[in-house]
């Protein structure tokens, strides 16, 4: 099973929004074969709490413009690990320290990487 085109489109829009807010280490993983909860996980890093919150809010605004609304969101105000569930896409915006500690890309290393726009 592979991610749906809708999930990939949302992922690319979210990645561009994150990039506009200077997110680092943006990557997307196709988790559709591993878990039924989503098709894609998008990971992005912010260097401080304020940037993590700004990245998360920019992603949410960009996806709302495409008609996708977060059905769940956590940690946006705290700015350490913002988690937003858009059904097909789950976005993790993490502080640098938390990203290094939890290393989600290592936990999901068996999942294929989703291609993101080259201009990130």
Protein backbone atom coordinates (compact mmCIF):
# COMPACT_ATOMS: atom_id res chain seq x y z
CA UNK A 1 0.00 0.00 0.00
CA UNK A 2 1.24 3.51 -0.75
CA UNK A 3 0.17 6.96 0.34
CA UNK A 4 -2.79 8.49 -1.48
CA UNK A 5 -2.30 11.40 -3.84
CA UNK A 6 -4.32 13.57 -1.42
CA UNK A 7 -1.86 12.75 1.39
CA UNK A 8 1.11 13.55 -0.84
CA UNK A 9 -0.46 16.86 -1.93
CA UNK A 10 -1.10 17.82 1.70
CA UNK A 11 2.44 16.79 2.61
CA UNK A 12 3.96 18.99 -0.07
CA UNK A 13 1.83 21.98 0.92
CA UNK A 14 2.76 21.48 4.58
CA UNK A 15 6.44 21.12 3.74
CA UNK A 16 6.42 24.39 1.78
CA UNK A 17 4.69 26.18 4.67
CA UNK A 18 7.27 24.80 7.09
CA UNK A 19 10.09 25.86 4.80
CA UNK A 20 8.67 29.39 4.60
CA UNK A 21 9.09 29.59 8.39
CA UNK A 22 12.70 28.36 8.13
CA UNK A 23 12.06 24.84 9.44
CA UNK A 24 15.05 22.52 9.17
CA UNK A 25 15.42 18.80 8.44
CA UNK A 26 12.03 18.57 6.73
CA UNK A 27 11.28 15.00 5.72
CA UNK A 28 8.21 12.92 4.99
CA UNK A 29 7.73 9.20 5.45
CA UNK A 30 5.11 7.01 3.80
CA UNK A 31 3.78 5.07 6.79
CA UNK A 32 0.68 3.70 5.03
CA UNK A 33 1.97 0.11 5.01
CA UNK A 34 2.98 0.25 8.67
CA UNK A 35 0.01 1.88 10.40
CA UNK A 36 -3.65 2.51 9.61
CA UNK A 37 -3.71 5.89 11.36
CA UNK A 38 -2.23 7.93 8.49
CA UNK A 39 -0.56 7.70 5.11
CA UNK A 40 2.30 10.13 5.72
CA UNK A 41 4.27 11.51 8.67
CA UNK A 42 5.87 14.90 8.05
CA UNK A 43 8.77 15.80 10.34
CA UNK A 44 10.18 19.32 10.71
CA UNK A 45 12.50 20.96 13.20
CA UNK A 46 12.49 24.38 14.82
CA UNK A 47 15.40 25.86 16.72
CA UNK A 48 13.32 27.31 19.58
CA UNK A 49 9.83 27.14 21.07
CA UNK A 50 8.57 30.24 19.28
CA UNK A 51 9.71 28.91 15.89
CA UNK A 52 8.13 25.49 16.51
CA UNK A 53 4.79 27.19 17.23
CA UNK A 54 5.12 29.48 14.20
CA UNK A 55 5.91 26.55 11.90
CA UNK A 56 2.94 24.57 13.22
CA UNK A 57 0.57 27.51 12.80
CA UNK A 58 1.81 28.18 9.25
CA UNK A 59 1.26 24.55 8.30
CA UNK A 60 -2.22 24.60 9.75
CA UNK A 61 -3.11 27.79 7.84
CA UNK A 62 -1.70 26.44 4.56
CA UNK A 63 -3.61 23.18 4.82
CA UNK A 64 -6.81 24.93 5.86
CA UNK A 65 -6.55 26.87 2.58
CA UNK A 66 -6.60 23.51 0.75
CA UNK A 67 -9.68 22.40 2.68
CA UNK A 68 -7.89 20.21 5.21
CA UNK A 69 -8.57 20.91 8.86
CA UNK A 70 -6.64 19.40 11.75
CA UNK A 71 -8.83 16.91 13.56
CA UNK A 72 -6.43 16.87 16.50
CA UNK A 73 -3.59 19.13 17.58
CA UNK A 74 -1.36 19.06 20.61
CA UNK A 75 1.68 20.91 21.89
CA UNK A 76 1.45 23.91 19.57
CA UNK A 77 1.40 26.42 22.44
CA UNK A 78 4.20 24.73 24.37
CA UNK A 79 6.48 24.80 21.33
CA UNK A 80 8.47 21.65 22.04
CA UNK A 81 6.64 19.04 19.96
CA UNK A 82 3.62 20.17 17.97
CA UNK A 83 1.54 17.28 16.68
CA UNK A 84 -1.23 17.87 14.16
CA UNK A 85 -3.45 15.17 12.70
CA UNK A 86 -4.96 15.91 9.30
CA UNK A 87 -6.28 12.34 8.93
CA UNK A 88 -4.16 11.35 5.89
CA UNK A 89 -1.18 13.32 7.17
CA UNK A 90 0.28 13.61 10.64
CA UNK A 91 2.68 16.51 11.16
CA UNK A 92 5.38 16.50 13.84
CA UNK A 93 7.10 19.85 14.36
CA UNK A 94 9.77 19.36 16.97
CA UNK A 95 12.35 21.39 18.85
CA UNK A 96 15.92 20.42 17.83
CA UNK A 97 16.62 18.72 21.17
CA UNK A 98 13.41 16.69 21.10
CA UNK A 99 13.91 15.69 17.47
CA UNK A 100 17.39 14.37 18.28
CA UNK A 101 16.19 12.59 21.43
CA UNK A 102 13.12 10.85 19.97
CA UNK A 103 14.60 10.26 16.51
CA UNK A 104 11.31 9.39 14.83
CA UNK A 105 13.02 8.86 11.49
CA UNK A 106 15.01 6.04 13.10
CA UNK A 107 11.86 4.47 14.55
CA UNK A 108 10.18 4.55 11.12
CA UNK A 109 13.34 3.76 9.09
CA UNK A 110 11.62 0.95 7.18
CA UNK A 111 9.18 3.39 5.62
CA UNK A 112 9.87 4.92 2.21
CA UNK A 113 10.67 8.62 2.02
CA UNK A 114 8.10 10.80 0.26
CA UNK A 115 9.59 13.18 -2.30
CA UNK A 116 9.26 16.83 -1.32
CA UNK A 117 9.57 19.92 -3.51
CA UNK A 118 13.17 20.61 -4.49
CA UNK A 119 13.00 24.25 -3.42
CA UNK A 120 12.73 23.57 0.33
